Amino acid sequence: MKSVNILIEEVSPVKKRIICDVPWETVDNELKSIYRSIGKNASVPGFRKGKVPLNILRSRYQKEAESEAITNLVTKYYADAVRENNIPVVDQPSITQDGITPETDFAFTADVEVAPDIEPTDYAGLSLEKGEVKISKKMIQDRIDQVRNMYATMEAVADDRDAREGDHVIVDFTGVVDGFEREELVQKNFPVQLGSHNIFEEFETELTGAKKGDTKEIHLVIPDTFGSEELRGKSADFTVTVNDIREKRVPAFDEEFLKYFEKYETLDDLRNDIEKSLRDEEEARVKSELKEAVIDQLLERNEFEVPDVYVNRQIALMTYNAQRRMVGGGMDPDEAINLSPEMRQRFEAPAVRFVKASLILDEIAEKENITVGDEEIDGKMADFARMYGRDVASWKETEDGEKIRTRIADDLREEKTVDYIIEQATVKTVTRKKSKKEETAK
C-alpha cells in the first residue's frame, strides 16, 4: 500500500504550504468505512437496514460520503503533517482541493500562517536617552488649580447681570427646519457654557450679553459635525429663551479648602501630596518613553515578519476599545461601527509595532530566562481586586480571574524584560523638550 506523500513549502517566513497526496487505496478505504456507517441506518426500499449493497449506497449517498471523506482525510493528514514536521501554526489553514475522483489519488493543499522564528540580537548595550524628572512650581500650581476647579460650584448671577464668557446659560430652545419643528433641535433647561465651543457658534455669540428672561431668535446653518446626518448643512431657525445664568465659583486655596479632605491637616500636606502625585506621573511618563525608545532600537536591529492573524487580532482589539470610548462619550453606536474601516487603516501600523514588540520581548525573556513569580502575580492580582471591589481568593478561581492573572503575568514579564535591557544599556539623562500642546497651554 502506497504511503501518503507530504511536501512542505515555505511561502514566506510566516507562511507555509502543506501539499498532501493521499493514495486512492486510502481514500477508497475511507469511503467504504463511511458507507458502512451510513448503511447501518439507511432506509432503502427493498432492503433491510445494514444490508443495503454498496453500489446502492453509492448511488444515493455519494455526495454526502465524499464530503465526509474529504473532511476526515484533510483533518487527519493536515494534523499529521503539522505534528511530524513541528510546524508552529498560529491560525486555521486555508484548504484547496478538487474533490474525489475514482481510482485517482486525492490531493489537497493547506496554506497556513506560522509563528516567526526570531533570534533576537543586539539588545545589550543600547544607547538610550532618559527624560529628566523635574517638577516646577508652575506644574504644582496648575494642578492645585485643577483640584480647586473640581470643587467649584455653579451660582446664579444677579438678574440684571449680562451673560459673559465662562458663564453657564440655562436655556430652552426649539429649532425649525423647512418649516417644521424638529425633535432633534428641541431642548429644555439646556446648559450652554459660553466660550466652550461645545454648541453652535451662533448660540454663544447671541447669548453673550443676554440677561435672564431674554428670548433670542437665532438663524444658522447646521454644521457638518451635527449628530443627525439628515440635518447637516440645512438652514435652521431657533427660538432660545434664557432661564438662568450661572457662574462658576472656584474655592480659594486656603484653610477653608481643607474641609473637602480628611487626610490633610495643613495646606502644605496637600501641596506636598500634589507634588508627589506629579512626580509619580512624570516618572511613569519617563519610564514609558524609555520603553518606547528600547522598542524602537530593538525593531531597528531585528527585522522580521509577523503573521497577519496576529496583526488583525490587535487591530480588532484596538478598534473595539476605540469604539467603546466613542460610545461612552456619547457617539451613536452605529456611527461608531461605521468608522471601522477608517480605524483599521489608522491602527494597522501601531498594531504591527505592538505585535513585533511583544514577540521580540518574549523571545528575549526566554533567552535570558526572565520569569515572574507567583507572589508578584498575586500582589498585582490583589491590587486589581481592590480596584474592582472583588474578593481576590474567589476571583482567582473564576474564568475571568484566570484571564486577568495570565495578562498580569505577561505584562510583568514584559516589564521585567524591558528593565533588564535598560540595565544593560548606557542611559543618558536629558532635559525633555515640551510638546506643542504643552507649549500652547502655557
Protein backbone atom coordinates (compact mmCIF):
# COMPACT_ATOMS: atom_id res chain seq x y z
CA MET A 1 0.00 0.00 0.00
CA LYS A 2 1.36 3.39 -1.01
CA SER A 3 2.07 5.87 1.76
CA VAL A 4 0.73 9.40 1.96
CA ASN A 5 3.12 11.88 0.38
CA ILE A 6 3.55 15.21 2.20
CA LEU A 7 5.58 18.16 0.91
CA ILE A 8 6.22 21.34 2.93
CA GLU A 9 6.94 24.59 1.09
CA GLU A 10 7.95 27.89 2.70
CA VAL A 11 5.88 30.67 1.16
CA SER A 12 7.37 33.30 3.49
CA PRO A 13 8.97 33.36 6.95
CA VAL A 14 5.44 33.34 8.44
CA LYS A 15 3.57 31.21 5.88
CA LYS A 16 3.90 27.57 4.90
CA ARG A 17 2.16 25.46 2.27
CA ILE A 18 1.47 21.81 3.02
CA ILE A 19 0.90 19.74 -0.13
CA CYS A 20 -0.58 16.33 0.63
CA ASP A 21 -1.16 13.46 -1.79
CA VAL A 22 -3.35 10.62 -0.42
CA PRO A 23 -3.25 7.29 -2.36
CA TRP A 24 -6.53 6.12 -3.88
CA GLU A 25 -6.43 2.93 -1.80
CA THR A 26 -6.51 5.03 1.39
CA VAL A 27 -9.31 7.20 0.00
CA ASP A 28 -11.31 4.14 -1.06
CA ASN A 29 -10.98 2.55 2.38
CA GLU A 30 -12.19 5.78 3.99
CA LEU A 31 -15.20 5.91 1.65
CA LYS A 32 -16.08 2.26 2.34
CA SER A 33 -15.92 2.91 6.07
CA ILE A 34 -18.29 5.87 5.69
CA TYR A 35 -20.69 3.88 3.51
CA ARG A 36 -20.73 1.07 6.10
CA SER A 37 -21.64 3.62 8.75
CA ILE A 38 -24.37 5.10 6.53
CA GLY A 39 -25.69 1.62 5.68
CA LYS A 40 -26.32 0.79 9.34
CA ASN A 41 -29.16 3.30 9.49
CA ALA A 42 -30.08 3.90 5.83
CA SER A 43 -33.70 3.18 4.92
CA VAL A 44 -33.81 1.94 1.34
CA PRO A 45 -36.97 0.31 -0.05
CA GLY A 46 -36.45 -3.42 -0.63
CA PHE A 47 -33.50 -3.74 1.75
CA ARG A 48 -33.16 -4.27 5.48
CA LYS A 49 -31.08 -1.79 7.47
CA GLY A 50 -27.43 -2.82 7.36
CA LYS A 51 -27.98 -4.98 4.28
CA VAL A 52 -28.01 -2.32 1.56
CA PRO A 53 -25.46 -3.14 -1.20
CA LEU A 54 -22.52 -0.74 -1.55
CA ASN A 55 -23.42 0.21 -5.13
CA ILE A 56 -26.91 1.27 -3.98
CA LEU A 57 -25.47 3.32 -1.13
CA ARG A 58 -23.08 4.99 -3.58
CA SER A 59 -25.90 5.93 -5.91
CA ARG A 60 -27.89 7.53 -3.09
CA TYR A 61 -25.29 9.00 -0.73
CA GLN A 62 -22.20 9.65 -2.87
CA LYS A 63 -22.16 13.43 -2.32
CA GLU A 64 -22.53 13.17 1.46
CA ALA A 65 -20.00 10.33 1.71
CA GLU A 66 -17.35 12.10 -0.37
CA SER A 67 -17.82 15.33 1.57
CA GLU A 68 -17.32 13.50 4.87
CA ALA A 69 -14.32 11.59 3.46
CA ILE A 70 -12.65 14.82 2.33
CA THR A 71 -13.18 16.35 5.78
CA ASN A 72 -11.75 13.28 7.51
CA LEU A 73 -8.75 12.92 5.21
CA VAL A 74 -7.83 16.63 5.32
CA THR A 75 -8.22 16.78 9.09
CA LYS A 76 -6.10 13.68 9.69
CA TYR A 77 -3.25 14.26 7.27
CA TYR A 78 -3.03 18.01 7.87
CA ALA A 79 -2.71 17.33 11.61
CA ASP A 80 -0.13 14.59 10.94
CA ALA A 81 1.93 16.94 8.76
CA VAL A 82 1.88 19.69 11.38
CA ARG A 83 2.83 17.31 14.19
CA GLU A 84 5.51 15.34 12.35
CA ASN A 85 7.18 18.47 10.94
CA ASN A 86 6.86 20.58 14.11
CA ILE A 87 5.10 23.40 12.25
CA PRO A 88 4.18 26.22 14.72
CA VAL A 89 0.80 27.09 13.21
CA VAL A 90 -0.99 30.16 14.59
CA ASP A 91 -4.30 30.03 12.71
CA GLN A 92 -6.68 27.73 10.87
CA PRO A 93 -5.41 26.64 7.42
CA SER A 94 -6.82 27.66 4.06
CA ILE A 95 -7.58 24.40 2.24
CA THR A 96 -7.64 23.94 -1.52
CA GLN A 97 -8.79 20.65 -3.09
CA ASP A 98 -10.60 19.49 -6.23
CA GLY A 99 -12.71 16.73 -4.72
CA ILE A 100 -12.52 12.97 -5.08
CA THR A 101 -12.08 11.26 -8.46
CA PRO A 102 -12.43 7.44 -8.54
CA GLU A 103 -9.19 5.49 -8.94
CA THR A 104 -7.18 8.72 -8.52
CA ASP A 105 -5.08 9.90 -5.61
CA PHE A 106 -6.69 12.68 -3.57
CA ALA A 107 -4.59 15.85 -3.31
CA PHE A 108 -5.09 18.91 -1.16
CA THR A 109 -3.07 22.00 -0.27
CA ALA A 110 -3.12 23.74 3.12
CA ASP A 111 -1.80 27.29 3.39
CA VAL A 112 -1.19 28.26 6.98
CA GLU A 113 0.40 31.07 8.96
CA VAL A 114 3.16 30.15 11.37
CA ALA A 115 4.92 31.84 14.26
CA PRO A 116 8.05 33.69 13.14
CA ASP A 117 11.43 32.22 14.04
CA ILE A 118 13.03 35.11 15.93
CA GLU A 119 16.61 35.07 17.19
CA PRO A 120 16.99 38.43 18.96
CA THR A 121 20.37 40.12 18.69
CA ASP A 122 22.00 43.42 19.63
CA TYR A 123 19.74 44.09 22.61
CA ALA A 124 22.58 44.52 25.10
CA GLY A 125 24.44 47.81 25.34
CA LEU A 126 21.84 50.09 23.80
CA SER A 127 22.41 53.85 23.96
CA LEU A 128 19.33 55.48 25.43
CA GLU A 129 18.22 58.94 26.49
CA LYS A 130 16.08 59.34 29.59
CA GLY A 131 13.96 62.39 30.25
CA GLU A 132 14.68 64.39 33.38
CA VAL A 133 12.02 64.25 36.09
CA LYS A 134 11.55 67.83 37.18
CA ILE A 135 8.52 69.27 38.97
CA SER A 136 8.20 73.04 38.62
CA LYS A 137 6.26 75.45 40.82
CA LYS A 138 4.01 76.16 37.83
CA MET A 139 3.16 72.47 37.46
CA ILE A 140 2.21 72.31 41.14
CA GLN A 141 0.12 75.48 40.90
CA ASP A 142 -1.63 74.24 37.74
CA ARG A 143 -2.56 71.01 39.50
CA ILE A 144 -3.77 72.92 42.56
CA ASP A 145 -5.99 74.97 40.26
CA GLN A 146 -7.32 71.75 38.70
CA VAL A 147 -8.20 70.41 42.15
CA ARG A 148 -9.87 73.70 43.09
CA ASN A 149 -11.94 73.54 39.91
CA MET A 150 -13.12 70.06 40.89
CA TYR A 151 -14.87 71.64 43.88
CA ALA A 152 -16.21 74.66 42.03
CA THR A 153 -19.91 75.46 42.38
CA MET A 154 -22.34 76.99 39.92
CA GLU A 155 -24.05 80.02 41.42
CA ALA A 156 -26.90 82.09 39.95
CA VAL A 157 -25.91 85.62 38.99
CA ALA A 158 -27.93 88.76 39.66
CA ASP A 159 -30.99 89.11 37.40
CA ASP A 160 -29.62 92.26 35.78
CA ARG A 161 -26.15 90.88 35.11
CA ASP A 162 -25.24 90.16 31.47
CA ALA A 163 -24.02 86.71 30.47
CA ARG A 164 -20.26 86.63 29.86
CA GLU A 165 -17.59 84.14 28.79
CA GLY A 166 -17.33 81.26 31.22
CA ASP A 167 -20.96 81.52 32.37
CA HIS A 168 -23.38 78.64 32.06
CA VAL A 169 -26.52 79.94 30.41
CA ILE A 170 -29.52 77.65 31.01
CA VAL A 171 -31.86 77.83 28.03
CA ASP A 172 -34.91 76.31 26.38
CA PHE A 173 -34.65 76.16 22.61
CA THR A 174 -36.67 74.99 19.65
CA GLY A 175 -35.30 74.61 16.12
CA VAL A 176 -37.32 74.74 12.90
CA VAL A 177 -36.06 73.32 9.59
CA ASP A 178 -38.01 73.64 6.32
CA GLY A 179 -40.99 74.99 8.27
CA PHE A 180 -41.17 72.07 10.68
CA GLU A 181 -40.10 71.83 14.31
CA ARG A 182 -37.51 69.05 14.63
CA GLU A 183 -37.33 66.84 17.71
CA GLU A 184 -33.52 66.72 17.48
CA LEU A 185 -33.45 70.53 17.84
CA VAL A 186 -35.61 70.86 20.96
CA GLN A 187 -34.17 71.04 24.48
CA LYS A 188 -35.35 72.17 27.91
CA ASN A 189 -33.02 73.67 30.54
CA PHE A 190 -30.01 73.03 28.34
CA PRO A 191 -26.70 74.39 29.74
CA VAL A 192 -24.61 76.45 27.30
CA GLN A 193 -21.14 77.30 28.58
CA LEU A 194 -20.05 80.48 26.87
CA GLY A 195 -16.57 80.10 25.41
CA SER A 196 -16.59 76.30 25.45
CA HIS A 197 -17.45 75.95 21.73
CA ASN A 198 -19.48 72.84 22.56
CA ILE A 199 -22.61 74.06 20.76
CA PHE A 200 -23.45 76.11 17.70
CA GLU A 201 -21.17 79.14 17.44
CA GLU A 202 -24.16 81.41 16.79
CA PHE A 203 -25.68 80.37 20.14
CA GLU A 204 -22.62 81.54 22.06
CA THR A 205 -22.41 84.80 20.08
CA GLU A 206 -26.08 85.73 20.61
CA LEU A 207 -26.22 84.62 24.25
CA THR A 208 -23.16 86.65 25.25
CA GLY A 209 -24.59 89.76 26.84
CA ALA A 210 -28.06 88.27 27.33
CA LYS A 211 -29.98 88.55 30.61
CA LYS A 212 -32.23 86.15 32.45
CA GLY A 213 -35.66 86.09 30.77
CA ASP A 214 -34.39 87.20 27.36
CA THR A 215 -35.60 85.45 24.19
CA LYS A 216 -33.38 85.29 21.11
CA GLU A 217 -34.21 84.41 17.52
CA ILE A 218 -31.13 82.75 16.01
CA HIS A 219 -30.64 81.72 12.39
CA LEU A 220 -27.82 79.34 11.47
CA VAL A 221 -26.68 76.59 9.12
CA ILE A 222 -26.35 73.28 10.92
CA PRO A 223 -22.68 72.21 10.77
CA ASP A 224 -21.38 69.01 9.19
CA THR A 225 -20.40 67.69 12.63
CA PHE A 226 -24.02 67.57 13.87
CA GLY A 227 -25.21 64.17 15.11
CA SER A 228 -28.16 63.84 12.72
CA GLU A 229 -26.72 63.35 9.24
CA GLU A 230 -30.07 64.30 7.69
CA LEU A 231 -29.90 67.83 9.15
CA ARG A 232 -26.29 68.61 8.31
CA GLY A 233 -25.92 71.69 6.09
CA LYS A 234 -29.57 72.74 6.46
CA SER A 235 -30.74 76.21 7.49
CA ALA A 236 -32.45 76.33 10.88
CA ASP A 237 -34.30 78.99 12.87
CA PHE A 238 -34.10 78.75 16.66
CA THR A 239 -36.11 80.39 19.40
CA VAL A 240 -33.94 80.46 22.51
CA THR A 241 -35.16 81.54 25.96
CA VAL A 242 -32.73 82.27 28.81
CA ASN A 243 -34.00 80.62 32.00
CA ASP A 244 -31.00 81.26 34.21
CA ILE A 245 -27.36 82.38 34.18
CA ARG A 246 -24.85 80.75 36.47
CA GLU A 247 -21.20 81.46 37.05
CA LYS A 248 -18.56 79.08 38.27
CA ARG A 249 -17.12 79.96 41.64
CA VAL A 250 -13.84 78.30 42.46
CA PRO A 251 -12.92 77.98 46.15
CA ALA A 252 -9.76 79.71 47.35
CA PHE A 253 -6.73 77.64 48.27
CA ASP A 254 -6.89 78.40 51.99
CA GLU A 255 -7.53 76.64 55.28
CA GLU A 256 -11.25 76.53 54.48
CA PHE A 257 -10.44 74.46 51.37
CA LEU A 258 -9.15 71.62 53.59
CA LYS A 259 -12.73 70.83 54.65
CA TYR A 260 -13.09 68.89 51.39
CA PHE A 261 -10.42 66.38 52.52
CA GLU A 262 -9.98 64.17 55.56
CA LYS A 263 -6.32 63.17 55.12
CA TYR A 264 -4.72 66.64 55.16
CA GLU A 265 -4.24 68.77 58.24
CA THR A 266 -2.45 71.66 56.56
CA LEU A 267 -2.19 73.20 53.10
CA ASP A 268 1.44 72.10 52.98
CA ASP A 269 0.31 68.49 53.43
CA LEU A 270 -2.00 68.87 50.41
CA ARG A 271 0.64 70.68 48.36
CA ASN A 272 3.27 68.00 49.15
CA ASP A 273 0.87 65.23 48.15
CA ILE A 274 0.12 67.02 44.88
CA GLU A 275 3.86 67.33 44.23
CA LYS A 276 4.34 63.61 44.94
CA SER A 277 1.48 62.74 42.59
CA LEU A 278 3.03 64.87 39.84
CA ARG A 279 6.42 63.26 40.41
CA ASP A 280 4.89 59.77 40.19
CA GLU A 281 3.19 60.75 36.92
CA GLU A 282 6.40 62.20 35.48
CA GLU A 283 8.39 59.12 36.47
CA ALA A 284 5.76 56.90 34.83
CA ARG A 285 5.89 59.06 31.69
CA VAL A 286 9.69 58.89 31.57
CA LYS A 287 9.59 55.13 32.06
CA SER A 288 7.03 54.77 29.25
CA GLU A 289 9.12 56.93 26.89
CA LEU A 290 12.22 54.90 27.76
CA LYS A 291 10.37 51.67 26.98
CA GLU A 292 9.31 53.07 23.59
CA ALA A 293 12.94 54.01 22.88
CA VAL A 294 14.01 50.46 23.74
CA ILE A 295 11.38 49.04 21.37
CA ASP A 296 12.43 51.45 18.61
CA GLN A 297 16.02 50.23 18.77
CA LEU A 298 15.08 46.55 19.12
CA LEU A 299 12.93 46.70 15.99
CA GLU A 300 15.59 48.63 14.06
CA ARG A 301 18.17 45.96 14.89
CA ASN A 302 15.91 42.93 14.47
CA GLU A 303 13.82 42.79 11.30
CA PHE A 304 11.22 40.06 10.95
CA GLU A 305 7.73 39.48 9.55
CA VAL A 306 4.68 38.79 11.68
CA PRO A 307 1.57 36.72 10.80
CA ASP A 308 -1.44 38.65 9.54
CA VAL A 309 -3.65 36.90 12.09
CA TYR A 310 -1.69 38.46 14.98
CA VAL A 311 -1.97 41.93 13.45
CA ASN A 312 -5.67 41.53 12.64
CA ARG A 313 -6.46 40.47 16.19
CA GLN A 314 -4.65 43.50 17.57
CA ILE A 315 -6.40 45.84 15.12
CA ALA A 316 -9.76 44.35 16.14
CA LEU A 317 -8.95 44.91 19.83
CA MET A 318 -7.80 48.49 19.25
CA THR A 319 -10.89 49.21 17.14
CA TYR A 320 -13.20 47.73 19.78
CA ASN A 321 -11.62 49.81 22.54
CA ALA A 322 -11.79 52.99 20.44
CA GLN A 323 -15.45 52.41 19.58
CA ARG A 324 -16.31 51.72 23.22
CA ARG A 325 -14.71 55.05 24.21
CA MET A 326 -16.62 56.84 21.44
CA VAL A 327 -19.96 55.38 22.51
CA GLY A 328 -19.12 56.17 26.14
CA GLY A 329 -18.53 59.76 25.04
CA GLY A 330 -21.99 59.98 23.50
CA MET A 331 -21.49 58.85 19.90
CA ASP A 332 -24.24 56.77 18.30
CA PRO A 333 -23.16 53.08 18.32
CA ASP A 334 -24.00 52.61 14.62
CA GLU A 335 -21.93 55.66 13.70
CA ALA A 336 -19.01 54.29 15.71
CA ILE A 337 -19.27 50.95 13.88
CA ASN A 338 -19.32 52.75 10.52
CA LEU A 339 -15.89 54.16 11.35
CA SER A 340 -14.36 50.65 11.48
CA PRO A 341 -12.69 50.78 8.01
CA GLU A 342 -11.12 54.15 8.78
CA MET A 343 -9.92 52.93 12.18
CA ARG A 344 -8.49 49.74 10.68
CA GLN A 345 -6.30 51.81 8.37
CA ARG A 346 -5.24 54.10 11.21
CA PHE A 347 -4.45 51.25 13.63
CA GLU A 348 -2.56 48.97 11.20
CA ALA A 349 0.93 50.43 11.74
CA PRO A 350 0.58 50.67 15.56
CA ALA A 351 -0.77 47.11 15.63
CA VAL A 352 2.21 45.76 13.65
CA ARG A 353 4.58 47.58 16.03
CA PHE A 354 2.76 46.25 19.10
CA VAL A 355 2.85 42.66 17.84
CA LYS A 356 6.52 42.86 16.88
CA ALA A 357 7.45 44.37 20.25
CA SER A 358 5.55 41.68 22.16
CA LEU A 359 7.16 38.88 20.16
CA ILE A 360 10.74 40.06 20.41
CA LEU A 361 10.47 40.88 24.12
CA ASP A 362 9.03 37.43 24.71
CA GLU A 363 11.96 35.83 22.87
CA ILE A 364 14.47 37.88 24.89
CA ALA A 365 12.72 36.81 28.09
CA GLU A 366 13.05 33.17 27.03
CA LYS A 367 16.68 33.60 26.06
CA GLU A 368 17.60 35.34 29.33
CA ASN A 369 15.39 33.09 31.47
CA ILE A 370 13.34 36.02 32.80
CA THR A 371 10.43 34.73 34.85
CA VAL A 372 7.67 36.05 37.08
CA GLY A 373 6.96 34.52 40.48
CA ASP A 374 3.54 33.68 41.90
CA GLU A 375 3.98 36.25 44.67
CA GLU A 376 4.48 39.02 42.11
CA ILE A 377 1.37 37.97 40.19
CA ASP A 378 -0.69 37.60 43.38
CA GLY A 379 0.35 41.08 44.51
CA LYS A 380 -0.87 42.67 41.27
CA MET A 381 -3.98 40.49 41.33
CA ALA A 382 -4.78 41.82 44.80
CA ASP A 383 -4.40 45.39 43.50
CA PHE A 384 -6.88 44.66 40.70
CA ALA A 385 -9.28 43.01 43.14
CA ARG A 386 -9.26 46.10 45.37
CA MET A 387 -9.76 48.34 42.34
CA TYR A 388 -12.85 46.40 41.21
CA GLY A 389 -14.17 45.56 44.67
CA ARG A 390 -13.65 41.81 44.29
CA ASP A 391 -12.60 39.14 46.75
CA VAL A 392 -9.23 38.07 45.41
CA ALA A 393 -9.44 34.44 46.59
CA SER A 394 -12.78 33.71 44.90
CA TRP A 395 -11.93 35.85 41.86
CA LYS A 396 -8.80 33.79 41.13
CA GLU A 397 -10.99 30.70 40.75
CA THR A 398 -13.20 32.20 38.03
CA GLU A 399 -12.54 32.15 34.29
CA ASP A 400 -12.34 35.95 34.29
CA GLY A 401 -9.83 35.83 37.14
CA GLU A 402 -7.68 33.33 35.25
CA LYS A 403 -7.61 35.62 32.21
CA ILE A 404 -6.62 38.59 34.37
CA ARG A 405 -3.91 36.51 36.03
CA THR A 406 -2.48 35.46 32.66
CA ARG A 407 -2.48 39.06 31.45
CA ILE A 408 -0.76 40.22 34.64
CA ALA A 409 1.91 37.54 34.26
CA ASP A 410 2.55 38.55 30.63
CA ASP A 411 2.70 42.25 31.48
CA LEU A 412 5.06 41.71 34.41
CA ARG A 413 7.36 39.51 32.33
CA GLU A 414 7.49 42.13 29.58
CA GLU A 415 8.15 44.89 32.12
CA LYS A 416 11.00 42.89 33.70
CA THR A 417 12.46 42.21 30.25
CA VAL A 418 12.48 45.91 29.38
CA ASP A 419 14.05 46.68 32.76
CA TYR A 420 16.73 44.05 32.06
CA ILE A 421 17.56 45.66 28.69
CA ILE A 422 17.72 49.11 30.29
CA GLU A 423 20.08 47.79 32.97
CA GLN A 424 22.43 46.62 30.20
CA ALA A 425 22.17 49.94 28.35
CA THR A 426 24.01 53.25 28.56
CA VAL A 427 21.37 55.73 29.69
CA LYS A 428 21.89 59.49 29.46
CA THR A 429 19.55 61.85 31.31
CA VAL A 430 18.43 64.78 29.17
CA THR A 431 16.06 67.72 29.53
CA ARG A 432 12.81 66.82 27.82
CA LYS A 433 11.55 69.11 25.13
CA LYS A 434 7.99 70.24 25.69
CA SER A 435 5.37 69.16 23.18
CA LYS A 436 3.50 71.71 21.07
CA LYS A 437 0.40 71.00 23.17
CA GLU A 438 2.28 71.79 26.40
CA GLU A 439 3.76 74.97 24.90
CA THR A 440 0.32 76.11 23.78
CA ALA A 441 -1.10 75.51 27.26
CA LYS A 442 1.41 77.85 28.88
